[in-house]
Amino acid sequence: MFQLKQVFLFILIVFMIKLTIAV
């Protein structure tokens, strides 16, 4: 089955990493 929570967590982690690199 398609796990939406896992995808959401993955996107959130990538976003946080990009935000940290931007700073």
N, C-alpha and C. Protein backbone atom coordinates (compact mmCIF):
# COMPACT_ATOMS: atom_id res chain seq x y z
N MET A 1 0.84 -1.20 0.00
CA MET A 1 0.00 0.00 0.00
C MET A 1 0.88 1.25 0.00
N PHE A 2 0.29 2.32 -0.48
CA PHE A 2 1.05 3.58 -0.57
C PHE A 2 1.03 4.30 0.77
N GLN A 3 2.22 4.49 1.33
CA GLN A 3 2.31 5.15 2.63
C GLN A 3 2.50 6.65 2.45
N LEU A 4 1.43 7.40 2.68
CA LEU A 4 1.49 8.85 2.51
C LEU A 4 2.32 9.50 3.62
N LYS A 5 2.26 8.92 4.82
CA LYS A 5 3.01 9.49 5.94
C LYS A 5 4.51 9.44 5.68
N GLN A 6 4.99 8.33 5.11
CA GLN A 6 6.42 8.19 4.84
C GLN A 6 6.87 9.24 3.83
N VAL A 7 6.04 9.45 2.80
CA VAL A 7 6.39 10.45 1.78
C VAL A 7 6.39 11.84 2.39
N PHE A 8 5.40 12.12 3.25
CA PHE A 8 5.32 13.44 3.90
C PHE A 8 6.55 13.68 4.77
N LEU A 9 6.95 12.66 5.53
CA LEU A 9 8.13 12.78 6.39
C LEU A 9 9.38 13.00 5.55
N PHE A 10 9.47 12.29 4.42
CA PHE A 10 10.63 12.43 3.55
C PHE A 10 10.73 13.85 3.00
N ILE A 11 9.60 14.38 2.52
CA ILE A 11 9.57 15.75 1.98
C ILE A 11 9.92 16.75 3.08
N LEU A 12 9.39 16.51 4.29
CA LEU A 12 9.67 17.42 5.40
C LEU A 12 11.15 17.43 5.74
N ILE A 13 11.77 16.25 5.75
CA ILE A 13 13.20 16.15 6.06
C ILE A 13 14.03 16.87 4.99
N VAL A 14 13.68 16.64 3.72
CA VAL A 14 14.42 17.29 2.64
C VAL A 14 14.27 18.81 2.73
N PHE A 15 13.06 19.26 3.07
CA PHE A 15 12.83 20.70 3.20
C PHE A 15 13.67 21.29 4.33
N MET A 16 13.73 20.59 5.45
CA MET A 16 14.50 21.07 6.59
C MET A 16 16.00 21.11 6.25
N ILE A 17 16.47 20.11 5.52
CA ILE A 17 17.88 20.08 5.13
C ILE A 17 18.20 21.26 4.21
N LYS A 18 17.33 21.51 3.24
CA LYS A 18 17.55 22.63 2.32
C LYS A 18 17.51 23.95 3.08
N LEU A 19 16.60 24.05 4.05
CA LEU A 19 16.48 25.28 4.84
C LEU A 19 17.75 25.49 5.66
N THR A 20 18.30 24.40 6.20
CA THR A 20 19.53 24.50 7.00
C THR A 20 20.71 24.92 6.12
N ILE A 21 20.78 24.36 4.91
CA ILE A 21 21.87 24.71 3.98
C ILE A 21 21.73 26.17 3.55
N ALA A 22 20.50 26.62 3.36
CA ALA A 22 20.26 28.00 2.93
C ALA A 22 20.76 28.98 4.00
N VAL A 23 20.63 28.56 5.27
CA VAL A 23 21.08 29.43 6.36
C VAL A 23 22.59 29.27 6.52
